Amino acid sequence: YTTSCTVPDDPGRYRFWGQGTQVTVS
């Protein structure tokens, strides 16, 4: 029922997470 989101945001709000992907800029 939520129609908005904000940044910054508390990571604790999010229950589900992916494993991550590495980004390297060099």
PDB file of all heavy atoms in Angstrom:
ATOM      1  N   TYR A   1       0.813  -1.210   0.000  1.00  0.00           N
ATOM      2  CA  TYR A   1       0.000   0.000   0.000  1.00  0.00           C
ATOM      3  C   TYR A   1       0.851   1.266   0.000  1.00  0.00           C
ATOM      4  O   TYR A   1       0.317   2.363   0.189  1.00  0.00           O
ATOM      5  CB  TYR A   1      -0.936   0.000   1.210  1.00  0.00           C
ATOM      6  CG  TYR A   1      -1.728  -1.274   1.335  1.00  0.00           C
ATOM      7  CD1 TYR A   1      -1.467  -2.189   2.349  1.00  0.00           C
ATOM      8  CD2 TYR A   1      -2.726  -1.580   0.419  1.00  0.00           C
ATOM      9  CE1 TYR A   1      -2.184  -3.366   2.448  1.00  0.00           C
ATOM     10  CE2 TYR A   1      -3.447  -2.751   0.512  1.00  0.00           C
ATOM     11  CZ  TYR A   1      -3.177  -3.645   1.533  1.00  0.00           C
ATOM     12  OH  TYR A   1      -3.892  -4.814   1.630  1.00  0.00           O
ATOM     13  N   THR A   2       2.149   1.124  -0.215  1.00  0.00           N
ATOM     14  CA  THR A   2       3.064   2.249  -0.208  1.00  0.00           C
ATOM     15  C   THR A   2       3.323   2.720  -1.627  1.00  0.00           C
ATOM     16  O   THR A   2       3.583   1.910  -2.526  1.00  0.00           O
ATOM     17  CB  THR A   2       4.383   1.875   0.463  1.00  0.00           C
ATOM     18  OG1 THR A   2       4.129   1.455   1.806  1.00  0.00           O
ATOM     19  CG2 THR A   2       5.335   3.061   0.490  1.00  0.00           C
ATOM     20  N   THR A   3       3.269   4.031  -1.815  1.00  0.00           N
ATOM     21  CA  THR A   3       3.456   4.609  -3.145  1.00  0.00           C
ATOM     22  C   THR A   3       4.681   5.502  -3.237  1.00  0.00           C
ATOM     23  O   THR A   3       4.870   6.162  -4.255  1.00  0.00           O
ATOM     24  CB  THR A   3       2.216   5.405  -3.558  1.00  0.00           C
ATOM     25  OG1 THR A   3       1.961   6.437  -2.600  1.00  0.00           O
ATOM     26  CG2 THR A   3       1.001   4.489  -3.645  1.00  0.00           C
ATOM     27  N   SER A   4       5.514   5.530  -2.210  1.00  0.00           N
ATOM     28  CA  SER A   4       6.686   6.384  -2.231  1.00  0.00           C
ATOM     29  C   SER A   4       7.856   5.680  -1.563  1.00  0.00           C
ATOM     30  O   SER A   4       7.687   4.702  -0.829  1.00  0.00           O
ATOM     31  CB  SER A   4       6.413   7.719  -1.535  1.00  0.00           C
ATOM     32  OG  SER A   4       6.138   7.532  -0.163  1.00  0.00           O
ATOM     33  N   CYS A   5       9.050   6.180  -1.816  1.00  0.00           N
ATOM     34  CA  CYS A   5      10.250   5.707  -1.147  1.00  0.00           C
ATOM     35  C   CYS A   5      11.209   6.871  -1.010  1.00  0.00           C
ATOM     36  O   CYS A   5      11.070   7.889  -1.690  1.00  0.00           O
ATOM     37  CB  CYS A   5      10.894   4.534  -1.892  1.00  0.00           C
ATOM     38  SG  CYS A   5      11.652   4.960  -3.480  1.00  0.00           S
ATOM     39  N   THR A   6      12.194   6.716  -0.140  1.00  0.00           N
ATOM     40  CA  THR A   6      13.116   7.803   0.156  1.00  0.00           C
ATOM     41  C   THR A   6      14.553   7.308   0.162  1.00  0.00           C
ATOM     42  O   THR A   6      14.832   6.130   0.422  1.00  0.00           O
ATOM     43  CB  THR A   6      12.812   8.449   1.513  1.00  0.00           C
ATOM     44  OG1 THR A   6      12.911   7.470   2.551  1.00  0.00           O
ATOM     45  CG2 THR A   6      11.414   9.047   1.527  1.00  0.00           C
ATOM     46  N   VAL A   7      15.473   8.216  -0.134  1.00  0.00           N
ATOM     47  CA  VAL A   7      16.912   8.015  -0.001  1.00  0.00           C
ATOM     48  C   VAL A   7      17.475   9.262   0.670  1.00  0.00           C
ATOM     49  O   VAL A   7      17.221  10.374   0.173  1.00  0.00           O
ATOM     50  CB  VAL A   7      17.603   7.781  -1.348  1.00  0.00           C
ATOM     51  CG1 VAL A   7      19.111   7.656  -1.157  1.00  0.00           C
ATOM     52  CG2 VAL A   7      17.055   6.535  -2.033  1.00  0.00           C
ATOM     53  N   PRO A   8      18.199   9.148   1.762  1.00  0.00           N
ATOM     54  CA  PRO A   8      18.615   7.900   2.397  1.00  0.00           C
ATOM     55  C   PRO A   8      17.473   7.189   3.091  1.00  0.00           C
ATOM     56  O   PRO A   8      16.421   7.784   3.356  1.00  0.00           O
ATOM     57  CB  PRO A   8      19.673   8.360   3.416  1.00  0.00           C
ATOM     58  CG  PRO A   8      19.237   9.741   3.774  1.00  0.00           C
ATOM     59  CD  PRO A   8      18.717  10.329   2.483  1.00  0.00           C
ATOM     60  N   ASP A   9      17.669   5.926   3.346  1.00  0.00           N
ATOM     61  CA  ASP A   9      16.671   5.120   4.011  1.00  0.00           C
ATOM     62  C   ASP A   9      17.379   4.158   4.945  1.00  0.00           C
ATOM     63  O   ASP A   9      18.555   3.827   4.747  1.00  0.00           O
ATOM     64  CB  ASP A   9      15.818   4.353   2.997  1.00  0.00           C
ATOM     65  CG  ASP A   9      14.473   3.933   3.545  1.00  0.00           C
ATOM     66  OD1 ASP A   9      14.181   4.202   4.727  1.00  0.00           O
ATOM     67  OD2 ASP A   9      13.692   3.323   2.782  1.00  0.00           O
ATOM     68  N   ASP A  10      16.656   3.706   5.935  1.00  0.00           N
ATOM     69  CA  ASP A  10      17.193   2.748   6.896  1.00  0.00           C
ATOM     70  C   ASP A  10      17.238   1.367   6.242  1.00  0.00           C
ATOM     71  O   ASP A  10      16.195   0.842   5.856  1.00  0.00           O
ATOM     72  CB  ASP A  10      16.327   2.728   8.144  1.00  0.00           C
ATOM     73  CG  ASP A  10      16.836   1.799   9.220  1.00  0.00           C
ATOM     74  OD1 ASP A  10      17.899   1.168   9.036  1.00  0.00           O
ATOM     75  OD2 ASP A  10      16.164   1.692  10.268  1.00  0.00           O
ATOM     76  N   PRO A  11      18.427   0.764   6.122  1.00  0.00           N
ATOM     77  CA  PRO A  11      18.469  -0.584   5.545  1.00  0.00           C
ATOM     78  C   PRO A  11      17.600  -1.592   6.284  1.00  0.00           C
ATOM     79  O   PRO A  11      17.161  -2.578   5.682  1.00  0.00           O
ATOM     80  CB  PRO A  11      19.961  -0.959   5.642  1.00  0.00           C
ATOM     81  CG  PRO A  11      20.679   0.341   5.682  1.00  0.00           C
ATOM     82  CD  PRO A  11      19.777   1.271   6.444  1.00  0.00           C
ATOM     83  N   GLY A  12      17.353  -1.331   7.571  1.00  0.00           N
ATOM     84  CA  GLY A  12      16.534  -2.246   8.346  1.00  0.00           C
ATOM     85  C   GLY A  12      15.104  -2.346   7.863  1.00  0.00           C
ATOM     86  O   GLY A  12      14.402  -3.293   8.210  1.00  0.00           O
ATOM     87  N   ARG A  13      14.675  -1.378   7.081  1.00  0.00           N
ATOM     88  CA  ARG A  13      13.337  -1.451   6.513  1.00  0.00           C
ATOM     89  C   ARG A  13      13.171  -2.642   5.585  1.00  0.00           C
ATOM     90  O   ARG A  13      12.069  -3.200   5.481  1.00  0.00           O
ATOM     91  CB  ARG A  13      13.035  -0.154   5.754  1.00  0.00           C
ATOM     92  CG  ARG A  13      11.805  -0.217   4.882  1.00  0.00           C
ATOM     93  CD  ARG A  13      11.669   0.990   3.975  1.00  0.00           C
ATOM     94  NE  ARG A  13      10.514   0.866   3.094  1.00  0.00           N
ATOM     95  CZ  ARG A  13      10.179   1.739   2.160  1.00  0.00           C
ATOM     96  NH1 ARG A  13      10.912   2.826   1.973  1.00  0.00           N
ATOM     97  NH2 ARG A  13       9.114   1.534   1.409  1.00  0.00           N
ATOM     98  N   TYR A  14      14.251  -3.018   4.914  1.00  0.00           N
ATOM     99  CA  TYR A  14      14.190  -4.023   3.870  1.00  0.00           C
ATOM    100  C   TYR A  14      14.453  -5.411   4.442  1.00  0.00           C
ATOM    101  O   TYR A  14      15.528  -5.686   4.980  1.00  0.00           O
ATOM    102  CB  TYR A  14      15.196  -3.700   2.765  1.00  0.00           C
ATOM    103  CG  TYR A  14      14.876  -2.422   2.040  1.00  0.00           C
ATOM    104  CD1 TYR A  14      15.359  -1.196   2.498  1.00  0.00           C
ATOM    105  CD2 TYR A  14      14.079  -2.435   0.901  1.00  0.00           C
ATOM    106  CE1 TYR A  14      15.048  -0.021   1.827  1.00  0.00           C
ATOM    107  CE2 TYR A  14      13.774  -1.262   0.233  1.00  0.00           C
ATOM    108  CZ  TYR A  14      14.259  -0.060   0.699  1.00  0.00           C
ATOM    109  OH  TYR A  14      13.960   1.103   0.036  1.00  0.00           O
ATOM    110  N   ARG A  15      13.478  -6.277   4.288  1.00  0.00           N
ATOM    111  CA  ARG A  15      13.600  -7.618   4.850  1.00  0.00           C
ATOM    112  C   ARG A  15      14.399  -8.552   3.964  1.00  0.00           C
ATOM    113  O   ARG A  15      15.114  -9.428   4.462  1.00  0.00           O
ATOM    114  CB  ARG A  15      12.207  -8.199   5.103  1.00  0.00           C
ATOM    115  CG  ARG A  15      12.216  -9.619   5.645  1.00  0.00           C
ATOM    116  CD  ARG A  15      10.823 -10.125   5.922  1.00  0.00           C
ATOM    117  NE  ARG A  15      10.818 -11.496   6.406  1.00  0.00           N
ATOM    118  CZ  ARG A  15       9.739 -12.184   6.695  1.00  0.00           C
ATOM    119  NH1 ARG A  15       8.541 -11.632   6.561  1.00  0.00           N
ATOM    120  NH2 ARG A  15       9.840 -13.431   7.126  1.00  0.00           N
ATOM    121  N   PHE A  16      14.278  -8.391   2.652  1.00  0.00           N
ATOM    122  CA  PHE A  16      14.863  -9.329   1.707  1.00  0.00           C
ATOM    123  C   PHE A  16      16.031  -8.684   0.988  1.00  0.00           C
ATOM    124  O   PHE A  16      15.919  -7.552   0.495  1.00  0.00           O
ATOM    125  CB  PHE A  16      13.813  -9.798   0.695  1.00  0.00           C
ATOM    126  CG  PHE A  16      12.606 -10.402   1.334  1.00  0.00           C
ATOM    127  CD1 PHE A  16      11.455  -9.656   1.514  1.00  0.00           C
ATOM    128  CD2 PHE A  16      12.617 -11.712   1.765  1.00  0.00           C
ATOM    129  CE1 PHE A  16      10.335 -10.207   2.104  1.00  0.00           C
ATOM    130  CE2 PHE A  16      11.498 -12.278   2.363  1.00  0.00           C
ATOM    131  CZ  PHE A  16      10.363 -11.522   2.531  1.00  0.00           C
ATOM    132  N   TRP A  17      17.138  -9.404   0.913  1.00  0.00           N
ATOM    133  CA  TRP A  17      18.373  -8.910   0.326  1.00  0.00           C
ATOM    134  C   TRP A  17      18.983  -9.933  -0.611  1.00  0.00           C
ATOM    135  O   TRP A  17      18.913 -11.138  -0.370  1.00  0.00           O
ATOM    136  CB  TRP A  17      19.401  -8.585   1.415  1.00  0.00           C
ATOM    137  CG  TRP A  17      19.021  -7.415   2.258  1.00  0.00           C
ATOM    138  CD1 TRP A  17      18.135  -7.397   3.285  1.00  0.00           C
ATOM    139  CD2 TRP A  17      19.537  -6.088   2.140  1.00  0.00           C
ATOM    140  NE1 TRP A  17      18.051  -6.134   3.821  1.00  0.00           N
ATOM    141  CE2 TRP A  17      18.902  -5.317   3.141  1.00  0.00           C
ATOM    142  CE3 TRP A  17      20.465  -5.481   1.300  1.00  0.00           C
ATOM    143  CZ2 TRP A  17      19.174  -3.959   3.311  1.00  0.00           C
ATOM    144  CZ3 TRP A  17      20.741  -4.136   1.465  1.00  0.00           C
ATOM    145  CH2 TRP A  17      20.098  -3.391   2.464  1.00  0.00           C
ATOM    146  N   GLY A  18      19.601  -9.429  -1.670  1.00  0.00           N
ATOM    147  CA  GLY A  18      20.411 -10.280  -2.513  1.00  0.00           C
ATOM    148  C   GLY A  18      21.789 -10.472  -1.919  1.00  0.00           C
ATOM    149  O   GLY A  18      22.143  -9.905  -0.876  1.00  0.00           O
ATOM    150  N   GLN A  19      22.591 -11.280  -2.590  1.00  0.00           N
ATOM    151  CA  GLN A  19      23.929 -11.597  -2.092  1.00  0.00           C
ATOM    152  C   GLN A  19      24.959 -10.540  -2.449  1.00  0.00           C
ATOM    153  O   GLN A  19      26.068 -10.548  -1.906  1.00  0.00           O
ATOM    154  CB  GLN A  19      24.377 -12.963  -2.629  1.00  0.00           C
ATOM    155  CG  GLN A  19      24.968 -12.960  -4.032  1.00  0.00           C
ATOM    156  CD  GLN A  19      23.953 -12.681  -5.121  1.00  0.00           C
ATOM    157  OE1 GLN A  19      22.752 -12.792  -4.920  1.00  0.00           O
ATOM    158  NE2 GLN A  19      24.450 -12.316  -6.304  1.00  0.00           N
ATOM    159  N   GLY A  20      24.620  -9.646  -3.340  1.00  0.00           N
ATOM    160  CA  GLY A  20      25.517  -8.582  -3.740  1.00  0.00           C
ATOM    161  C   GLY A  20      26.303  -8.908  -4.994  1.00  0.00           C
ATOM    162  O   GLY A  20      26.551 -10.067  -5.312  1.00  0.00           O
ATOM    163  N   THR A  21      26.698  -7.868  -5.702  1.00  0.00           N
ATOM    164  CA  THR A  21      27.558  -8.005  -6.865  1.00  0.00           C
ATOM    165  C   THR A  21      28.652  -6.944  -6.787  1.00  0.00           C
ATOM    166  O   THR A  21      28.385  -5.785  -6.474  1.00  0.00           O
ATOM    167  CB  THR A  21      26.752  -7.892  -8.181  1.00  0.00           C
ATOM    168  OG1 THR A  21      27.608  -8.145  -9.299  1.00  0.00           O
ATOM    169  CG2 THR A  21      26.102  -6.528  -8.331  1.00  0.00           C
ATOM    170  N   GLN A  22      29.873  -7.346  -7.057  1.00  0.00           N
ATOM    171  CA  GLN A  22      31.016  -6.459  -6.902  1.00  0.00           C
ATOM    172  C   GLN A  22      31.144  -5.527  -8.093  1.00  0.00           C
ATOM    173  O   GLN A  22      31.118  -5.967  -9.250  1.00  0.00           O
ATOM    174  CB  GLN A  22      32.305  -7.280  -6.752  1.00  0.00           C
ATOM    175  CG  GLN A  22      33.576  -6.442  -6.660  1.00  0.00           C
ATOM    176  CD  GLN A  22      33.677  -5.680  -5.365  1.00  0.00           C
ATOM    177  OE1 GLN A  22      33.433  -6.244  -4.290  1.00  0.00           O
ATOM    178  NE2 GLN A  22      34.040  -4.398  -5.448  1.00  0.00           N
ATOM    179  N   VAL A  23      31.309  -4.253  -7.801  1.00  0.00           N
ATOM    180  CA  VAL A  23      31.599  -3.240  -8.809  1.00  0.00           C
ATOM    181  C   VAL A  23      32.943  -2.615  -8.458  1.00  0.00           C
ATOM    182  O   VAL A  23      33.120  -2.090  -7.362  1.00  0.00           O
ATOM    183  CB  VAL A  23      30.506  -2.158  -8.868  1.00  0.00           C
ATOM    184  CG1 VAL A  23      30.927  -1.016  -9.787  1.00  0.00           C
ATOM    185  CG2 VAL A  23      29.187  -2.763  -9.330  1.00  0.00           C
ATOM    186  N   THR A  24      33.867  -2.679  -9.384  1.00  0.00           N
ATOM    187  CA  THR A  24      35.190  -2.107  -9.185  1.00  0.00           C
ATOM    188  C   THR A  24      35.483  -1.135 -10.314  1.00  0.00           C
ATOM    189  O   THR A  24      35.452  -1.513 -11.487  1.00  0.00           O
ATOM    190  CB  THR A  24      36.270  -3.194  -9.140  1.00  0.00           C
ATOM    191  OG1 THR A  24      35.974  -4.131  -8.102  1.00  0.00           O
ATOM    192  CG2 THR A  24      37.634  -2.573  -8.880  1.00  0.00           C
ATOM    193  N   VAL A  25      35.758   0.104  -9.957  1.00  0.00           N
ATOM    194  CA  VAL A  25      36.063   1.151 -10.928  1.00  0.00           C
ATOM    195  C   VAL A  25      37.532   1.503 -10.765  1.00  0.00           C
ATOM    196  O   VAL A  25      37.937   2.084  -9.754  1.00  0.00           O
ATOM    197  CB  VAL A  25      35.179   2.378 -10.739  1.00  0.00           C
ATOM    198  CG1 VAL A  25      35.449   3.395 -11.847  1.00  0.00           C
ATOM    199  CG2 VAL A  25      33.707   1.983 -10.716  1.00  0.00           C
ATOM    200  N   SER A  26      38.323   1.152 -11.751  1.00  0.00           N
ATOM    201  CA  SER A  26      39.760   1.334 -11.656  1.00  0.00           C
ATOM    202  C   SER A  26      40.357   1.392 -13.058  1.00  0.00           C
ATOM    203  O   SER A  26      39.905   0.706 -13.970  1.00  0.00           O
ATOM    204  CB  SER A  26      40.396   0.190 -10.864  1.00  0.00           C
ATOM    205  OG  SER A  26      41.798   0.341 -10.771  1.00  0.00           O
TER     206      SER A  26
END
